[in-house]
Amino acid sequence: MAVICVGIAGFLSVGLAACGSVPTLAPQETEGRRLYQARCAHCHEDNDLALKKIPPNLHGVFACKALPGGAPATDEAMLKNVLMGKGTMPAFAGRFTGEQMAALLTYLHTGLR
């Protein structure tokens, strides 16, 4: 099911770009995007650490019923994964303020790149 959801999310973002309509992000979403680019994208998009197990793409993750690890696709489950780590993902507790974490989650809910 997750593969189908990711495919649909990718299709939707391509469809938006093809129409020439680029959504405007709210300030909190913009901050979340900045945080994502600075702290998440190097693994979840670029894999510039050359990890053997490529981390999942997080764009459109909330369009699915479950996160890639199987937990329900909720803010609480995502928060737990980010702060406590999961599998090869390190814990980020103490690296995000509550406000930053809220912005990151808000951005991920947009499903946009």
Protein backbone atom coordinates (compact mmCIF):
# COMPACT_ATOMS: atom_id res chain seq x y z
CA MET A 1 0.00 0.00 0.00
CA ALA A 2 2.82 2.44 0.82
CA VAL A 3 4.30 2.10 -2.66
CA ILE A 4 0.95 2.97 -4.19
CA CYS A 5 0.59 5.99 -1.91
CA VAL A 6 4.08 7.24 -2.70
CA GLY A 7 3.39 6.78 -6.41
CA ILE A 8 0.16 8.73 -6.15
CA ALA A 9 1.87 11.51 -4.20
CA GLY A 10 4.61 11.69 -6.81
CA PHE A 11 1.99 11.83 -9.56
CA LEU A 12 0.13 14.62 -7.81
CA SER A 13 3.25 16.74 -7.36
CA VAL A 14 4.21 16.20 -11.01
CA GLY A 15 0.67 17.08 -12.04
CA LEU A 16 0.80 20.36 -10.12
CA ALA A 17 4.11 21.30 -11.68
CA ALA A 18 2.84 20.45 -15.15
CA CYS A 19 -0.11 22.81 -14.73
CA GLY A 20 2.24 25.67 -13.90
CA SER A 21 0.44 26.21 -10.61
CA VAL A 22 2.92 26.40 -7.74
CA PRO A 23 1.16 26.58 -4.38
CA THR A 24 2.20 29.34 -2.01
CA LEU A 25 3.39 28.06 1.33
CA ALA A 26 2.31 29.65 4.58
CA PRO A 27 5.15 30.97 6.79
CA GLN A 28 5.13 27.87 9.03
CA GLU A 29 5.22 25.58 5.96
CA THR A 30 8.09 27.61 4.52
CA GLU A 31 10.04 27.21 7.76
CA GLY A 32 9.26 23.49 7.76
CA ARG A 33 10.55 23.22 4.19
CA ARG A 34 13.75 25.02 5.17
CA LEU A 35 14.24 22.63 8.10
CA TYR A 36 13.50 19.62 5.90
CA GLN A 37 16.05 20.75 3.30
CA ALA A 38 18.67 21.45 5.98
CA ARG A 39 18.21 18.40 8.20
CA CYS A 40 16.26 15.68 6.39
CA ALA A 41 16.72 15.87 2.63
CA HIS A 42 20.37 14.80 2.63
CA CYS A 43 19.25 11.31 3.65
CA HIS A 44 15.60 11.14 2.61
CA GLU A 45 16.19 12.57 -0.88
CA ASP A 46 19.86 12.83 -1.76
CA ASN A 47 21.28 9.86 0.21
CA ASP A 48 24.57 11.76 0.17
CA LEU A 49 25.79 9.62 3.05
CA ALA A 50 25.70 6.61 0.70
CA LEU A 51 23.53 4.63 3.11
CA LYS A 52 23.07 1.01 2.07
CA LYS A 53 19.39 1.12 3.03
CA ILE A 54 17.94 4.21 1.38
CA PRO A 55 15.62 6.10 3.72
CA PRO A 56 12.02 6.51 2.51
CA ASN A 57 10.86 9.54 0.61
CA LEU A 58 8.73 11.57 3.00
CA HIS A 59 6.85 13.72 0.46
CA GLY A 60 3.23 12.61 0.53
CA VAL A 61 3.79 10.42 3.59
CA PHE A 62 0.62 11.71 5.28
CA ALA A 63 -1.46 10.76 2.23
CA CYS A 64 -0.94 7.14 3.26
CA LYS A 65 -2.58 5.30 6.14
CA ALA A 66 0.79 4.20 7.52
CA LEU A 67 4.32 5.52 7.72
CA PRO A 68 6.97 3.50 5.84
CA GLY A 69 7.83 1.65 9.07
CA GLY A 70 4.20 0.54 9.54
CA ALA A 71 3.08 2.95 12.27
CA PRO A 72 -0.11 4.94 11.60
CA ALA A 73 0.56 8.08 9.55
CA THR A 74 -0.08 10.50 12.40
CA ASP A 75 1.79 13.51 13.74
CA GLU A 76 2.41 11.59 16.96
CA ALA A 77 4.01 8.61 15.19
CA MET A 78 6.15 10.86 12.97
CA LEU A 79 7.20 12.91 16.00
CA LYS A 80 8.22 9.73 17.82
CA ASN A 81 10.25 8.48 14.83
CA VAL A 82 12.07 11.79 14.44
CA LEU A 83 12.79 12.38 18.11
CA MET A 84 13.58 8.79 19.14
CA GLY A 85 14.97 7.47 15.87
CA LYS A 86 14.01 4.21 14.21
CA GLY A 87 16.16 1.55 12.58
CA THR A 88 19.17 3.27 11.04
CA MET A 89 17.68 6.73 11.55
CA PRO A 90 19.32 8.48 14.49
CA ALA A 91 17.33 10.20 17.22
CA PHE A 92 16.88 13.94 16.75
CA ALA A 93 15.70 14.69 20.29
CA GLY A 94 17.16 18.00 21.40
CA ARG A 95 17.91 19.05 17.81
CA PHE A 96 14.46 20.51 17.10
CA THR A 97 12.45 22.90 19.23
CA GLY A 98 8.73 22.24 19.58
CA GLU A 99 8.08 25.11 17.17
CA GLN A 100 10.51 23.69 14.60
CA MET A 101 8.97 20.23 14.88
CA ALA A 102 5.50 21.69 14.35
CA ALA A 103 6.75 23.54 11.26
CA LEU A 104 8.38 20.38 9.89
CA LEU A 105 5.19 18.35 10.36
CA THR A 106 3.10 21.13 8.81
CA TYR A 107 5.38 21.12 5.75
CA LEU A 108 5.25 17.32 5.43
CA HIS A 109 1.45 17.51 5.48
CA THR A 110 1.58 19.60 2.30
CA GLY A 111 3.08 16.65 0.37
CA LEU A 112 5.10 19.16 -1.65
CA ARG A 113 8.78 19.14 -2.54
